[in-house]
Structures are given as C-alpha cells and as structure tokens.
N, C-alpha and C. Protein backbone atom coordinates (compact mmCIF):
# COMPACT_ATOMS: atom_id res chain seq x y z
N MET A 1 112.51 90.49 72.09
CA MET A 1 111.56 90.19 73.13
C MET A 1 111.65 88.71 73.48
N ARG A 2 111.67 88.43 74.76
CA ARG A 2 111.70 87.06 75.24
C ARG A 2 110.34 86.43 75.02
N GLU A 3 110.32 85.24 74.44
CA GLU A 3 109.04 84.59 74.16
C GLU A 3 108.66 83.67 75.31
N ARG A 4 107.45 83.87 75.81
CA ARG A 4 106.93 83.06 76.90
C ARG A 4 106.20 81.86 76.34
N LYS A 5 106.29 80.74 77.03
CA LYS A 5 105.55 79.55 76.64
C LYS A 5 104.13 79.60 77.18
N ARG A 6 103.98 80.07 78.40
CA ARG A 6 102.66 80.13 79.04
C ARG A 6 102.14 81.55 79.03
N PRO A 7 100.84 81.71 78.92
CA PRO A 7 100.30 83.07 78.90
C PRO A 7 100.45 83.76 80.25
N PRO A 8 100.60 85.07 80.23
CA PRO A 8 100.63 85.81 81.49
C PRO A 8 99.26 85.76 82.15
N VAL A 9 99.24 85.99 83.42
CA VAL A 9 98.00 85.98 84.18
C VAL A 9 97.17 87.21 83.82
N HIS A 10 95.88 87.01 83.68
CA HIS A 10 94.97 88.12 83.39
C HIS A 10 94.97 89.07 84.60
N PRO A 11 94.95 90.38 84.36
CA PRO A 11 94.94 91.33 85.47
C PRO A 11 93.76 91.14 86.42
N GLY A 12 92.66 90.62 85.92
CA GLY A 12 91.51 90.35 86.79
C GLY A 12 91.79 89.30 87.84
N ARG A 13 92.59 88.31 87.48
CA ARG A 13 92.97 87.28 88.45
C ARG A 13 93.88 87.87 89.52
N ILE A 14 94.77 88.75 89.11
CA ILE A 14 95.65 89.42 90.07
C ILE A 14 94.82 90.30 91.00
N LEU A 15 93.87 91.03 90.43
CA LEU A 15 92.99 91.85 91.25
C LEU A 15 92.26 91.00 92.29
N LYS A 16 91.75 89.89 91.85
CA LYS A 16 91.00 89.00 92.75
C LYS A 16 91.91 88.39 93.83
N ASN A 17 93.00 87.76 93.40
CA ASN A 17 93.83 86.99 94.34
C ASN A 17 94.73 87.84 95.23
N HIS A 18 95.14 89.00 94.75
CA HIS A 18 96.08 89.82 95.51
C HIS A 18 95.45 91.00 96.23
N HIS A 19 94.20 91.32 95.87
CA HIS A 19 93.56 92.47 96.48
C HIS A 19 92.21 92.15 97.09
N LEU A 20 91.31 91.57 96.31
CA LEU A 20 89.95 91.34 96.81
C LEU A 20 89.89 90.26 97.88
N LEU A 21 90.44 89.09 97.60
CA LEU A 21 90.37 88.00 98.58
C LEU A 21 91.11 88.32 99.89
N PRO A 22 92.36 88.80 99.83
CA PRO A 22 93.04 89.10 101.10
C PRO A 22 92.35 90.18 101.93
N LEU A 23 91.69 91.12 101.27
CA LEU A 23 91.03 92.21 101.99
C LEU A 23 89.54 91.93 102.24
N SER A 24 89.07 90.77 101.79
CA SER A 24 87.65 90.38 101.92
C SER A 24 86.72 91.45 101.36
N ILE A 25 87.04 91.92 100.16
CA ILE A 25 86.21 92.92 99.49
C ILE A 25 85.36 92.21 98.43
N SER A 26 84.07 92.44 98.46
CA SER A 26 83.17 91.83 97.48
C SER A 26 83.20 92.63 96.17
N LEU A 27 82.70 92.01 95.11
CA LEU A 27 82.62 92.71 93.83
C LEU A 27 81.71 93.93 93.95
N THR A 28 80.62 93.77 94.66
CA THR A 28 79.68 94.88 94.85
C THR A 28 80.35 96.04 95.58
N GLU A 29 81.10 95.72 96.62
CA GLU A 29 81.78 96.76 97.38
C GLU A 29 82.85 97.45 96.54
N LEU A 30 83.61 96.66 95.77
CA LEU A 30 84.64 97.26 94.92
C LEU A 30 84.00 98.16 93.87
N ALA A 31 82.90 97.71 93.28
CA ALA A 31 82.21 98.52 92.28
C ALA A 31 81.78 99.85 92.87
N ARG A 32 81.26 99.83 94.10
CA ARG A 32 80.86 101.06 94.77
C ARG A 32 82.06 101.97 95.00
N ILE A 33 83.16 101.39 95.48
CA ILE A 33 84.38 102.17 95.75
C ILE A 33 84.91 102.81 94.47
N LEU A 34 84.89 102.04 93.37
CA LEU A 34 85.43 102.53 92.10
C LEU A 34 84.46 103.45 91.35
N GLY A 35 83.20 103.40 91.71
CA GLY A 35 82.21 104.22 91.00
C GLY A 35 81.83 103.65 89.65
N VAL A 36 81.83 102.31 89.55
CA VAL A 36 81.44 101.63 88.31
C VAL A 36 80.39 100.58 88.64
N SER A 37 79.86 99.95 87.62
CA SER A 37 78.85 98.92 87.85
C SER A 37 79.49 97.62 88.34
N ARG A 38 78.71 96.83 89.04
CA ARG A 38 79.18 95.52 89.48
C ARG A 38 79.51 94.64 88.27
N LYS A 39 78.74 94.80 87.21
CA LYS A 39 78.98 94.03 85.98
C LYS A 39 80.37 94.32 85.41
N THR A 40 80.77 95.57 85.43
CA THR A 40 82.10 95.96 84.93
C THR A 40 83.20 95.28 85.73
N VAL A 41 83.08 95.33 87.05
CA VAL A 41 84.08 94.70 87.92
C VAL A 41 84.06 93.18 87.73
N SER A 42 82.86 92.61 87.64
CA SER A 42 82.74 91.16 87.46
C SER A 42 83.40 90.70 86.17
N LYS A 43 83.22 91.44 85.09
CA LYS A 43 83.85 91.08 83.81
C LYS A 43 85.37 91.03 83.95
N ILE A 44 85.93 92.01 84.62
CA ILE A 44 87.39 92.05 84.78
C ILE A 44 87.86 90.90 85.67
N VAL A 45 87.23 90.73 86.81
CA VAL A 45 87.65 89.70 87.77
C VAL A 45 87.49 88.30 87.18
N ASN A 46 86.47 88.11 86.35
CA ASN A 46 86.25 86.80 85.73
C ASN A 46 86.96 86.66 84.39
N GLU A 47 87.89 87.57 84.13
CA GLU A 47 88.78 87.53 82.97
C GLU A 47 88.07 87.66 81.64
N GLY A 48 86.94 88.38 81.66
CA GLY A 48 86.21 88.62 80.43
C GLY A 48 86.27 90.06 79.97
N GLY A 49 86.88 90.90 80.78
CA GLY A 49 87.01 92.32 80.44
C GLY A 49 88.43 92.78 80.62
N ALA A 50 88.73 93.89 79.99
CA ALA A 50 90.10 94.42 80.03
C ALA A 50 90.18 95.63 80.95
N ILE A 51 91.39 95.89 81.41
CA ILE A 51 91.67 97.09 82.21
C ILE A 51 91.87 98.25 81.25
N THR A 52 90.99 99.22 81.30
CA THR A 52 91.11 100.42 80.48
C THR A 52 91.96 101.45 81.23
N PRO A 53 92.43 102.48 80.54
CA PRO A 53 93.16 103.53 81.26
C PRO A 53 92.34 104.14 82.41
N ASP A 54 91.06 104.36 82.19
CA ASP A 54 90.21 104.89 83.25
C ASP A 54 90.15 103.94 84.44
N MET A 55 89.98 102.66 84.16
CA MET A 55 89.91 101.67 85.24
C MET A 55 91.27 101.57 85.94
N ALA A 56 92.36 101.68 85.20
CA ALA A 56 93.69 101.65 85.81
C ALA A 56 93.85 102.80 86.81
N LEU A 57 93.34 103.97 86.45
CA LEU A 57 93.40 105.11 87.37
C LEU A 57 92.58 104.84 88.62
N ARG A 58 91.40 104.28 88.45
CA ARG A 58 90.54 103.98 89.59
C ARG A 58 91.16 102.93 90.51
N LEU A 59 91.67 101.85 89.91
CA LEU A 59 92.28 100.78 90.70
C LEU A 59 93.53 101.28 91.43
N SER A 60 94.32 102.09 90.75
CA SER A 60 95.54 102.60 91.37
C SER A 60 95.22 103.48 92.57
N ARG A 61 94.15 104.26 92.47
CA ARG A 61 93.74 105.11 93.58
C ARG A 61 93.22 104.24 94.74
N ALA A 62 92.40 103.24 94.41
CA ALA A 62 91.78 102.40 95.44
C ALA A 62 92.81 101.54 96.19
N PHE A 63 93.80 101.02 95.47
CA PHE A 63 94.74 100.07 96.07
C PHE A 63 96.14 100.64 96.27
N ASN A 64 96.28 101.95 96.09
CA ASN A 64 97.57 102.61 96.29
C ASN A 64 98.68 101.96 95.44
N THR A 65 98.34 101.75 94.17
CA THR A 65 99.32 101.23 93.21
C THR A 65 99.49 102.31 92.15
N THR A 66 100.00 101.93 90.99
CA THR A 66 100.13 102.90 89.90
C THR A 66 99.25 102.46 88.73
N PRO A 67 98.79 103.41 87.93
CA PRO A 67 98.05 103.03 86.72
C PRO A 67 98.92 102.19 85.79
N ASP A 68 100.22 102.49 85.78
CA ASP A 68 101.14 101.74 84.92
C ASP A 68 101.17 100.26 85.27
N LEU A 69 101.03 99.93 86.53
CA LEU A 69 100.99 98.52 86.93
C LEU A 69 99.85 97.82 86.22
N TRP A 70 98.64 98.37 86.32
CA TRP A 70 97.45 97.73 85.75
C TRP A 70 97.50 97.71 84.23
N LEU A 71 97.92 98.82 83.64
CA LEU A 71 98.01 98.86 82.18
C LEU A 71 99.09 97.94 81.66
N GLY A 72 100.20 97.84 82.39
CA GLY A 72 101.27 96.93 81.99
C GLY A 72 100.84 95.48 82.03
N LEU A 73 100.11 95.11 83.07
CA LEU A 73 99.59 93.74 83.16
C LEU A 73 98.65 93.45 81.99
N GLN A 74 97.78 94.40 81.68
CA GLN A 74 96.84 94.21 80.57
C GLN A 74 97.57 94.13 79.25
N GLN A 75 98.56 95.00 79.06
CA GLN A 75 99.31 95.01 77.81
C GLN A 75 100.07 93.71 77.60
N GLU A 76 100.69 93.22 78.65
CA GLU A 76 101.43 91.97 78.56
C GLU A 76 100.49 90.81 78.20
N TYR A 77 99.33 90.79 78.83
CA TYR A 77 98.33 89.76 78.56
C TYR A 77 97.84 89.84 77.11
N ASP A 78 97.48 91.05 76.67
CA ASP A 78 96.97 91.24 75.31
C ASP A 78 98.01 90.91 74.25
N LEU A 79 99.24 91.36 74.46
CA LEU A 79 100.29 91.14 73.48
C LEU A 79 100.61 89.65 73.34
N TRP A 80 100.67 88.95 74.46
CA TRP A 80 100.94 87.51 74.39
C TRP A 80 99.87 86.81 73.57
N HIS A 81 98.61 87.15 73.82
CA HIS A 81 97.52 86.52 73.08
C HIS A 81 97.53 86.91 71.61
N ALA A 82 97.87 88.15 71.31
CA ALA A 82 97.96 88.57 69.90
C ALA A 82 99.06 87.79 69.19
N MET A 83 100.16 87.58 69.87
CA MET A 83 101.28 86.85 69.26
C MET A 83 100.99 85.36 69.10
N ASN A 84 100.21 84.79 69.98
CA ASN A 84 100.04 83.35 69.99
C ASN A 84 98.69 82.85 69.46
N ASP A 85 97.69 83.69 69.45
CA ASP A 85 96.37 83.25 68.98
C ASP A 85 96.23 83.35 67.48
N SER A 86 97.04 84.16 66.84
CA SER A 86 97.01 84.32 65.40
C SER A 86 98.44 84.38 64.87
N LYS A 87 98.65 83.73 63.75
CA LYS A 87 99.99 83.74 63.15
C LYS A 87 100.04 84.63 61.91
N GLU A 88 98.91 85.21 61.54
CA GLU A 88 98.86 86.03 60.33
C GLU A 88 99.83 87.21 60.37
N TRP A 89 100.05 87.78 61.53
CA TRP A 89 100.94 88.94 61.65
C TRP A 89 102.37 88.59 61.25
N ARG A 90 102.73 87.30 61.31
CA ARG A 90 104.09 86.88 60.95
C ARG A 90 104.36 87.02 59.46
N GLN A 91 103.31 87.11 58.66
CA GLN A 91 103.48 87.24 57.21
C GLN A 91 103.86 88.65 56.79
N VAL A 92 103.76 89.61 57.68
CA VAL A 92 104.10 91.00 57.36
C VAL A 92 105.61 91.13 57.27
N LYS A 93 106.07 91.71 56.18
CA LYS A 93 107.50 91.92 55.96
C LYS A 93 107.88 93.33 56.38
N ALA A 94 109.11 93.48 56.84
CA ALA A 94 109.63 94.82 57.14
C ALA A 94 109.61 95.64 55.86
N ILE A 95 109.39 96.92 55.97
CA ILE A 95 109.25 97.77 54.78
C ILE A 95 110.47 97.68 53.89
N GLY A 96 111.66 97.67 54.44
CA GLY A 96 112.87 97.55 53.63
C GLY A 96 112.91 96.22 52.88
N GLU A 97 112.51 95.14 53.51
CA GLU A 97 112.49 93.83 52.88
C GLU A 97 111.44 93.77 51.76
N ALA A 98 110.28 94.38 52.00
CA ALA A 98 109.21 94.38 51.02
C ALA A 98 109.63 95.16 49.77
N ALA A 99 110.30 96.29 49.97
CA ALA A 99 110.74 97.11 48.83
C ALA A 99 111.81 96.37 48.03
N ALA A 100 112.71 95.69 48.71
CA ALA A 100 113.76 94.93 48.02
C ALA A 100 113.18 93.78 47.23
N ALA A 101 112.14 93.15 47.74
CA ALA A 101 111.50 92.03 47.04
C ALA A 101 110.80 92.48 45.78
N ARG A 102 110.30 93.73 45.75
CA ARG A 102 109.62 94.26 44.56
C ARG A 102 110.62 94.67 43.49
N ALA A 103 111.83 95.00 43.87
CA ALA A 103 112.82 95.53 42.91
C ALA A 103 113.39 94.46 42.02
C-alpha cells in the first residue's frame, strides 16, 4: 500500500464542496431528501460523523453516484487515521513470525 503523507479528505467535505454548495442545497433540505435528521447530515458535513452503508445508499440515490464511492471515501479516511493516529498496531507480528519466535 502506498503511504500518504497528508490525510485524505473527509467524505463530508466532499459532500459539501462538490454537491451541496454547487447545487445550493441546505443541510435541512438534504436531510429532508435523504429522510434523516438535520443533525445527522450536519455531523457528516462538519466532519464529525461517518458515512454508514445506509447513508451511502441514500447519498448515491440522491446524487446519482454509487454507494461504493461514499464507502470508499470513508474507508480511505478511516484507514489513514488508523494507520497514523496510533502506532500500537505496528507491534503485531505476522502469525508465522510469532510462531517462529516462540520456537
């Protein structure tokens, strides 16, 4: 896997900058269209919430995209932060290496 220096953009920022602002859609209007609360949409757009599979389906229907797009953006964001915010996972040894070390 190629290691990035900078974190990927949160899917909420992409939603805001590439969909809501160009189309002049408010958070309240998007929440109504998606059938969710304004708070849920606000959390995502303000980068405090994650895109769930259910939300990916709703966004893909509303913006004529794919659920995979939204889930992929979220996965890339989450994985980068998991790799860079904590180093504890680096201490895990491959099972073959761990067995050889015990022998």
